[in-house]
Amino acid sequence: MVRFLLGATETGFFPGIILFLTYWFPAEYRARMVGRFMAAIPISTVTGAPVSGLILGMDGIWGLRGWQWLFICEGLPTGLLGLVVIFYLTDGPEEASWLQADERDWLIDGNALVVTAPPGPAYRPFRHRHRRFVEPCR
């Protein structure tokens, strides 16, 4: 049951991060940033698994089991960082007081070009493009 609840709370994380990256990076840099985010997934597994194994080996220190040490050493910093992010990270560059003015303007201008630009001549909604794949199957 707890695993189900954890999965239910994590469900929106990945699409939320992808959406959040669209607020912060202009289109010309967005694919690179999403790629870096995606590359961090296997990198975190490669680095995190051995560290977790070492922490589990702390079984018996100060009367705590290995899984309890794992919870403390990996959960406590994550929770604290989550609290910092809630108060520090803004929804977009417009409200980011920690950015320099020229950095903020560059991000806002780059994202504004994407939002206000009309679709080009090659733009065709998906509902029209899928027909070339569906029609031969009928």
N, C-alpha and C. Protein backbone atom coordinates (compact mmCIF):
# COMPACT_ATOMS: atom_id res chain seq x y z
N MET A 1 0.82 -1.20 0.00
CA MET A 1 0.00 0.00 0.00
C MET A 1 0.87 1.26 0.00
N VAL A 2 1.92 1.23 0.79
CA VAL A 2 2.81 2.40 0.85
C VAL A 2 3.50 2.61 -0.50
N ARG A 3 3.88 1.52 -1.15
CA ARG A 3 4.53 1.62 -2.46
C ARG A 3 3.56 2.24 -3.47
N PHE A 4 2.29 1.86 -3.40
CA PHE A 4 1.28 2.44 -4.28
C PHE A 4 1.14 3.94 -4.03
N LEU A 5 1.10 4.35 -2.78
CA LEU A 5 0.97 5.77 -2.45
C LEU A 5 2.20 6.56 -2.91
N LEU A 6 3.38 5.96 -2.75
CA LEU A 6 4.60 6.62 -3.24
C LEU A 6 4.54 6.80 -4.75
N GLY A 7 4.12 5.76 -5.46
CA GLY A 7 3.99 5.85 -6.91
C GLY A 7 2.96 6.88 -7.33
N ALA A 8 1.86 6.95 -6.58
CA ALA A 8 0.81 7.93 -6.90
C ALA A 8 1.31 9.36 -6.73
N THR A 9 2.15 9.58 -5.72
CA THR A 9 2.66 10.94 -5.52
C THR A 9 3.76 11.29 -6.52
N GLU A 10 4.46 10.29 -7.04
CA GLU A 10 5.54 10.55 -8.00
C GLU A 10 5.03 10.62 -9.44
N THR A 11 3.79 10.29 -9.68
CA THR A 11 3.26 10.20 -11.03
C THR A 11 3.45 11.48 -11.83
N GLY A 12 3.21 12.61 -11.25
CA GLY A 12 3.30 13.87 -11.98
C GLY A 12 4.69 14.49 -12.01
N PHE A 13 5.68 13.85 -11.40
CA PHE A 13 7.00 14.46 -11.33
C PHE A 13 7.63 14.63 -12.70
N PHE A 14 7.71 13.57 -13.49
CA PHE A 14 8.39 13.65 -14.77
C PHE A 14 7.72 14.62 -15.73
N PRO A 15 6.41 14.52 -15.97
CA PRO A 15 5.80 15.52 -16.86
C PRO A 15 5.87 16.93 -16.29
N GLY A 16 5.84 17.04 -14.96
CA GLY A 16 5.96 18.36 -14.35
C GLY A 16 7.32 18.98 -14.58
N ILE A 17 8.37 18.18 -14.49
CA ILE A 17 9.73 18.70 -14.75
C ILE A 17 9.86 19.12 -16.21
N ILE A 18 9.35 18.32 -17.11
CA ILE A 18 9.44 18.68 -18.53
C ILE A 18 8.69 19.99 -18.79
N LEU A 19 7.51 20.14 -18.22
CA LEU A 19 6.76 21.39 -18.35
C LEU A 19 7.54 22.55 -17.73
N PHE A 20 8.11 22.34 -16.57
CA PHE A 20 8.88 23.38 -15.88
C PHE A 20 10.07 23.83 -16.73
N LEU A 21 10.73 22.89 -17.39
CA LEU A 21 11.86 23.25 -18.24
C LEU A 21 11.43 24.13 -19.40
N THR A 22 10.19 23.98 -19.87
CA THR A 22 9.71 24.85 -20.96
C THR A 22 9.55 26.29 -20.49
N TYR A 23 9.33 26.50 -19.21
CA TYR A 23 9.22 27.85 -18.68
C TYR A 23 10.57 28.54 -18.56
N TRP A 24 11.62 27.76 -18.42
CA TRP A 24 12.92 28.32 -18.12
C TRP A 24 13.88 28.38 -19.30
N PHE A 25 13.70 27.53 -20.30
CA PHE A 25 14.66 27.48 -21.40
C PHE A 25 14.00 27.79 -22.72
N PRO A 26 14.59 28.71 -23.50
CA PRO A 26 14.07 28.97 -24.84
C PRO A 26 14.14 27.70 -25.69
N ALA A 27 13.34 27.65 -26.74
CA ALA A 27 13.19 26.44 -27.55
C ALA A 27 14.53 25.93 -28.10
N GLU A 28 15.41 26.84 -28.46
CA GLU A 28 16.67 26.40 -29.06
C GLU A 28 17.59 25.68 -28.07
N TYR A 29 17.36 25.84 -26.77
CA TYR A 29 18.16 25.17 -25.75
C TYR A 29 17.39 24.05 -25.04
N ARG A 30 16.11 23.99 -25.27
CA ARG A 30 15.24 23.09 -24.49
C ARG A 30 15.59 21.63 -24.68
N ALA A 31 15.84 21.20 -25.90
CA ALA A 31 16.15 19.79 -26.14
C ALA A 31 17.43 19.39 -25.41
N ARG A 32 18.41 20.27 -25.39
CA ARG A 32 19.65 19.97 -24.65
C ARG A 32 19.40 19.82 -23.16
N MET A 33 18.57 20.69 -22.62
CA MET A 33 18.29 20.63 -21.17
C MET A 33 17.48 19.39 -20.81
N VAL A 34 16.51 19.05 -21.65
CA VAL A 34 15.75 17.83 -21.42
C VAL A 34 16.67 16.62 -21.54
N GLY A 35 17.59 16.66 -22.48
CA GLY A 35 18.57 15.58 -22.63
C GLY A 35 19.45 15.44 -21.40
N ARG A 36 19.86 16.55 -20.83
CA ARG A 36 20.67 16.48 -19.61
C ARG A 36 19.86 15.93 -18.44
N PHE A 37 18.60 16.33 -18.37
CA PHE A 37 17.74 15.78 -17.33
C PHE A 37 17.58 14.27 -17.50
N MET A 38 17.35 13.84 -18.75
CA MET A 38 17.20 12.42 -19.01
C MET A 38 18.50 11.65 -18.75
N ALA A 39 19.64 12.26 -19.04
CA ALA A 39 20.92 11.61 -18.77
C ALA A 39 21.19 11.48 -17.28
N ALA A 40 20.62 12.37 -16.50
CA ALA A 40 20.82 12.30 -15.04
C ALA A 40 20.17 11.08 -14.42
N ILE A 41 19.17 10.50 -15.09
CA ILE A 41 18.48 9.33 -14.53
C ILE A 41 19.42 8.13 -14.43
N PRO A 42 20.07 7.69 -15.51
CA PRO A 42 21.00 6.56 -15.35
C PRO A 42 22.25 6.93 -14.55
N ILE A 43 22.68 8.18 -14.64
CA ILE A 43 23.86 8.60 -13.86
C ILE A 43 23.56 8.50 -12.37
N SER A 44 22.35 8.88 -11.97
CA SER A 44 21.99 8.77 -10.56
C SER A 44 21.93 7.32 -10.10
N THR A 45 21.53 6.42 -10.99
CA THR A 45 21.52 5.01 -10.64
C THR A 45 22.93 4.47 -10.48
N VAL A 46 23.81 4.83 -11.40
CA VAL A 46 25.19 4.34 -11.36
C VAL A 46 25.92 4.85 -10.12
N THR A 47 25.68 6.09 -9.75
CA THR A 47 26.36 6.63 -8.57
C THR A 47 25.62 6.33 -7.28
N GLY A 48 24.29 6.30 -7.33
CA GLY A 48 23.51 6.11 -6.11
C GLY A 48 23.49 4.69 -5.59
N ALA A 49 23.52 3.70 -6.47
CA ALA A 49 23.46 2.31 -6.02
C ALA A 49 24.66 1.92 -5.15
N PRO A 50 25.89 2.22 -5.55
CA PRO A 50 27.01 1.87 -4.67
C PRO A 50 26.99 2.63 -3.34
N VAL A 51 26.59 3.90 -3.39
CA VAL A 51 26.51 4.68 -2.15
C VAL A 51 25.44 4.09 -1.23
N SER A 52 24.32 3.70 -1.79
CA SER A 52 23.27 3.07 -0.99
C SER A 52 23.76 1.76 -0.39
N GLY A 53 24.52 1.00 -1.14
CA GLY A 53 25.09 -0.25 -0.61
C GLY A 53 26.01 0.00 0.56
N LEU A 54 26.82 1.04 0.45
CA LEU A 54 27.72 1.38 1.57
C LEU A 54 26.93 1.83 2.79
N ILE A 55 25.89 2.59 2.58
CA ILE A 55 25.08 3.05 3.71
C ILE A 55 24.36 1.88 4.36
N LEU A 56 23.88 0.94 3.57
CA LEU A 56 23.24 -0.25 4.14
C LEU A 56 24.22 -1.06 4.99
N GLY A 57 25.50 -0.96 4.67
CA GLY A 57 26.54 -1.64 5.44
C GLY A 57 26.77 -1.02 6.81
N MET A 58 26.15 0.10 7.10
CA MET A 58 26.30 0.74 8.40
C MET A 58 25.39 0.09 9.45
N ASP A 59 24.87 -1.07 9.15
CA ASP A 59 23.95 -1.79 10.03
C ASP A 59 24.58 -1.97 11.41
N GLY A 60 23.89 -1.53 12.44
CA GLY A 60 24.34 -1.69 13.82
C GLY A 60 25.01 -0.46 14.42
N ILE A 61 25.41 0.50 13.62
CA ILE A 61 26.04 1.71 14.14
C ILE A 61 24.98 2.54 14.84
N TRP A 62 25.27 2.95 16.07
CA TRP A 62 24.37 3.72 16.93
C TRP A 62 23.02 3.01 17.13
N GLY A 63 23.02 1.72 16.99
CA GLY A 63 21.81 0.93 17.22
C GLY A 63 20.78 1.01 16.11
N LEU A 64 21.16 1.52 14.96
CA LEU A 64 20.22 1.65 13.84
C LEU A 64 20.52 0.57 12.80
N ARG A 65 19.47 0.08 12.16
CA ARG A 65 19.61 -0.89 11.08
C ARG A 65 20.07 -0.16 9.81
N GLY A 66 20.54 -0.91 8.83
CA GLY A 66 21.02 -0.33 7.58
C GLY A 66 19.96 0.45 6.83
N TRP A 67 18.73 -0.09 6.80
CA TRP A 67 17.67 0.62 6.09
C TRP A 67 17.32 1.92 6.79
N GLN A 68 17.48 1.99 8.11
CA GLN A 68 17.21 3.23 8.83
C GLN A 68 18.27 4.28 8.50
N TRP A 69 19.53 3.83 8.39
CA TRP A 69 20.60 4.74 7.98
C TRP A 69 20.35 5.25 6.56
N LEU A 70 19.89 4.35 5.69
CA LEU A 70 19.60 4.74 4.31
C LEU A 70 18.51 5.81 4.29
N PHE A 71 17.48 5.62 5.10
CA PHE A 71 16.40 6.60 5.17
C PHE A 71 16.92 7.95 5.66
N ILE A 72 17.77 7.94 6.68
CA ILE A 72 18.30 9.19 7.24
C ILE A 72 19.25 9.87 6.25
N CYS A 73 20.20 9.11 5.73
CA CYS A 73 21.25 9.71 4.88
C CYS A 73 20.74 10.16 3.52
N GLU A 74 19.72 9.50 2.99
CA GLU A 74 19.21 9.90 1.67
C GLU A 74 17.91 10.68 1.77
N GLY A 75 17.11 10.43 2.79
CA GLY A 75 15.82 11.11 2.92
C GLY A 75 15.91 12.48 3.54
N LEU A 76 16.75 12.63 4.55
CA LEU A 76 16.84 13.91 5.24
C LEU A 76 17.35 15.03 4.33
N PRO A 77 18.47 14.84 3.59
CA PRO A 77 18.90 15.91 2.68
C PRO A 77 17.87 16.21 1.59
N THR A 78 17.19 15.17 1.10
CA THR A 78 16.18 15.38 0.07
C THR A 78 15.02 16.21 0.60
N GLY A 79 14.57 15.90 1.80
CA GLY A 79 13.48 16.66 2.40
C GLY A 79 13.86 18.10 2.66
N LEU A 80 15.08 18.31 3.16
CA LEU A 80 15.54 19.68 3.43
C LEU A 80 15.67 20.48 2.14
N LEU A 81 16.23 19.85 1.10
CA LEU A 81 16.35 20.54 -0.19
C LEU A 81 14.98 20.85 -0.77
N GLY A 82 14.02 19.94 -0.58
CA GLY A 82 12.66 20.20 -1.03
C GLY A 82 12.06 21.42 -0.38
N LEU A 83 12.30 21.59 0.91
CA LEU A 83 11.79 22.78 1.61
C LEU A 83 12.45 24.05 1.10
N VAL A 84 13.75 24.00 0.83
CA VAL A 84 14.45 25.16 0.29
C VAL A 84 13.90 25.52 -1.08
N VAL A 85 13.67 24.51 -1.92
CA VAL A 85 13.18 24.75 -3.28
C VAL A 85 11.79 25.39 -3.26
N ILE A 86 10.94 24.97 -2.33
CA ILE A 86 9.59 25.54 -2.25
C ILE A 86 9.65 27.06 -2.07
N PHE A 87 10.59 27.53 -1.27
CA PHE A 87 10.66 28.96 -0.98
C PHE A 87 11.58 29.73 -1.92
N TYR A 88 12.49 29.05 -2.60
CA TYR A 88 13.52 29.75 -3.38
C TYR A 88 13.25 29.75 -4.88
N LEU A 89 12.80 28.61 -5.42
CA LEU A 89 12.63 28.48 -6.86
C LEU A 89 11.30 29.08 -7.29
N THR A 90 11.33 29.88 -8.33
CA THR A 90 10.13 30.55 -8.81
C THR A 90 9.54 29.79 -10.00
N ASP A 91 8.33 30.16 -10.39
CA ASP A 91 7.66 29.48 -11.50
C ASP A 91 8.27 29.79 -12.85
N GLY A 92 8.93 30.91 -12.97
CA GLY A 92 9.54 31.28 -14.23
C GLY A 92 10.56 32.37 -14.01
N PRO A 93 11.29 32.73 -15.05
CA PRO A 93 12.34 33.74 -14.91
C PRO A 93 11.81 35.14 -14.58
N GLU A 94 10.53 35.39 -14.84
CA GLU A 94 9.99 36.72 -14.57
C GLU A 94 10.07 37.09 -13.09
N GLU A 95 9.87 36.12 -12.21
CA GLU A 95 9.87 36.38 -10.76
C GLU A 95 11.19 36.06 -10.08
N ALA A 96 12.19 35.61 -10.82
CA ALA A 96 13.45 35.16 -10.22
C ALA A 96 14.32 36.35 -9.83
N SER A 97 14.27 36.71 -8.56
CA SER A 97 15.07 37.84 -8.08
C SER A 97 16.54 37.48 -8.00
N TRP A 98 16.87 36.21 -8.00
CA TRP A 98 18.26 35.78 -7.90
C TRP A 98 18.98 35.78 -9.24
N LEU A 99 18.26 36.07 -10.33
CA LEU A 99 18.91 36.23 -11.63
C LEU A 99 19.34 37.67 -11.82
N GLN A 100 20.44 37.86 -12.53
CA GLN A 100 20.84 39.22 -12.90
C GLN A 100 19.86 39.72 -13.96
N ALA A 101 19.72 41.03 -14.06
CA ALA A 101 18.73 41.64 -14.95
C ALA A 101 18.93 41.20 -16.40
N ASP A 102 20.18 41.16 -16.88
CA ASP A 102 20.41 40.77 -18.27
C ASP A 102 20.09 39.29 -18.50
N GLU A 103 20.35 38.43 -17.51
CA GLU A 103 20.00 37.02 -17.63
C GLU A 103 18.48 36.84 -17.67
N ARG A 104 17.79 37.54 -16.81
CA ARG A 104 16.33 37.46 -16.77
C ARG A 104 15.73 37.94 -18.09
N ASP A 105 16.22 39.07 -18.60
CA ASP A 105 15.70 39.60 -19.86
C ASP A 105 15.96 38.64 -21.02
N TRP A 106 17.14 38.02 -21.05
CA TRP A 106 17.47 37.06 -22.11
C TRP A 106 16.51 35.87 -22.08
N LEU A 107 16.25 35.34 -20.89
CA LEU A 107 15.32 34.20 -20.77
C LEU A 107 13.90 34.60 -21.16
N ILE A 108 13.45 35.75 -20.69
CA ILE A 108 12.09 36.19 -20.99
C ILE A 108 11.93 36.45 -22.48
N ASP A 109 12.90 37.13 -23.09
CA ASP A 109 12.83 37.42 -24.53
C ASP A 109 12.88 36.13 -25.35
N GLY A 110 13.73 35.20 -24.97
CA GLY A 110 13.83 33.93 -25.70
C GLY A 110 12.56 33.11 -25.62
N ASN A 111 11.92 33.10 -24.46
CA ASN A 111 10.67 32.36 -24.32
C ASN A 111 9.51 33.10 -24.96
N ALA A 112 9.55 34.43 -24.99
CA ALA A 112 8.46 35.20 -25.60
C ALA A 112 8.42 34.96 -27.10
N LEU A 113 9.58 34.80 -27.72
CA LEU A 113 9.61 34.54 -29.16
C LEU A 113 8.89 33.25 -29.49
N VAL A 114 9.04 32.26 -28.65
CA VAL A 114 8.39 30.97 -28.90
C VAL A 114 6.89 31.08 -28.68
N VAL A 115 6.48 31.78 -27.65
CA VAL A 115 5.06 31.85 -27.31
C VAL A 115 4.28 32.67 -28.32
N THR A 116 4.86 33.79 -28.80
CA THR A 116 4.11 34.69 -29.66
C THR A 116 4.31 34.41 -31.15
N ALA A 117 5.24 33.56 -31.51
CA ALA A 117 5.49 33.31 -32.93
C ALA A 117 4.35 32.49 -33.53
N PRO A 118 3.81 32.94 -34.67
CA PRO A 118 2.75 32.15 -35.31
C PRO A 118 3.36 30.90 -35.94
N PRO A 119 2.56 29.87 -36.12
CA PRO A 119 3.09 28.66 -36.74
C PRO A 119 3.55 28.93 -38.16
N GLY A 120 4.62 28.30 -38.55
CA GLY A 120 5.16 28.48 -39.89
C GLY A 120 4.37 27.71 -40.93
N PRO A 121 4.79 27.79 -42.20
CA PRO A 121 4.05 27.12 -43.27
C PRO A 121 4.09 25.59 -43.15
N ALA A 122 5.07 25.05 -42.48
CA ALA A 122 5.17 23.60 -42.35
C ALA A 122 4.32 23.06 -41.20
N TYR A 123 3.68 23.94 -40.47
CA TYR A 123 2.88 23.52 -39.32
C TYR A 123 1.62 22.81 -39.77
N ARG A 124 1.44 21.60 -39.29
CA ARG A 124 0.21 20.86 -39.52
C ARG A 124 -0.11 20.12 -38.23
N PRO A 125 -1.29 20.27 -37.70
CA PRO A 125 -1.64 19.57 -36.47
C PRO A 125 -1.57 18.07 -36.65
N PHE A 126 -1.41 17.37 -35.56
CA PHE A 126 -1.28 15.92 -35.58
C PHE A 126 -2.48 15.25 -36.25
N ARG A 127 -3.65 15.80 -36.05
CA ARG A 127 -4.84 15.14 -36.58
C ARG A 127 -4.79 15.00 -38.10
N HIS A 128 -3.99 15.82 -38.78
CA HIS A 128 -3.87 15.71 -40.22
C HIS A 128 -2.68 14.84 -40.62
N ARG A 129 -1.63 14.87 -39.82
CA ARG A 129 -0.44 14.11 -40.17
C ARG A 129 -0.63 12.62 -40.00
N HIS A 130 -1.45 12.19 -39.06
CA HIS A 130 -1.57 10.76 -38.81
C HIS A 130 -2.31 10.02 -39.92
N ARG A 131 -3.00 10.74 -40.79
CA ARG A 131 -3.79 10.10 -41.84
C ARG A 131 -2.92 9.29 -42.80
N ARG A 132 -1.71 9.75 -43.07
CA ARG A 132 -0.88 9.01 -44.02
C ARG A 132 -0.47 7.65 -43.47
N PHE A 133 -0.56 7.47 -42.15
CA PHE A 133 -0.25 6.18 -41.56
C PHE A 133 -1.51 5.32 -41.40
N VAL A 134 -2.63 5.96 -41.16
CA VAL A 134 -3.86 5.24 -40.90
C VAL A 134 -4.55 4.80 -42.18
N GLU A 135 -4.58 5.66 -43.19
CA GLU A 135 -5.30 5.37 -44.44
C GLU A 135 -4.86 4.05 -45.10
N PRO A 136 -3.57 3.73 -45.22
CA PRO A 136 -3.20 2.46 -45.87
C PRO A 136 -3.67 1.23 -45.09
N CYS A 137 -3.97 1.38 -43.82
CA CYS A 137 -4.40 0.24 -43.00
C CYS A 137 -5.87 -0.09 -43.20
N ARG A 138 -6.63 0.77 -43.83
CA ARG A 138 -8.08 0.55 -43.99
C ARG A 138 -8.37 -0.34 -45.15
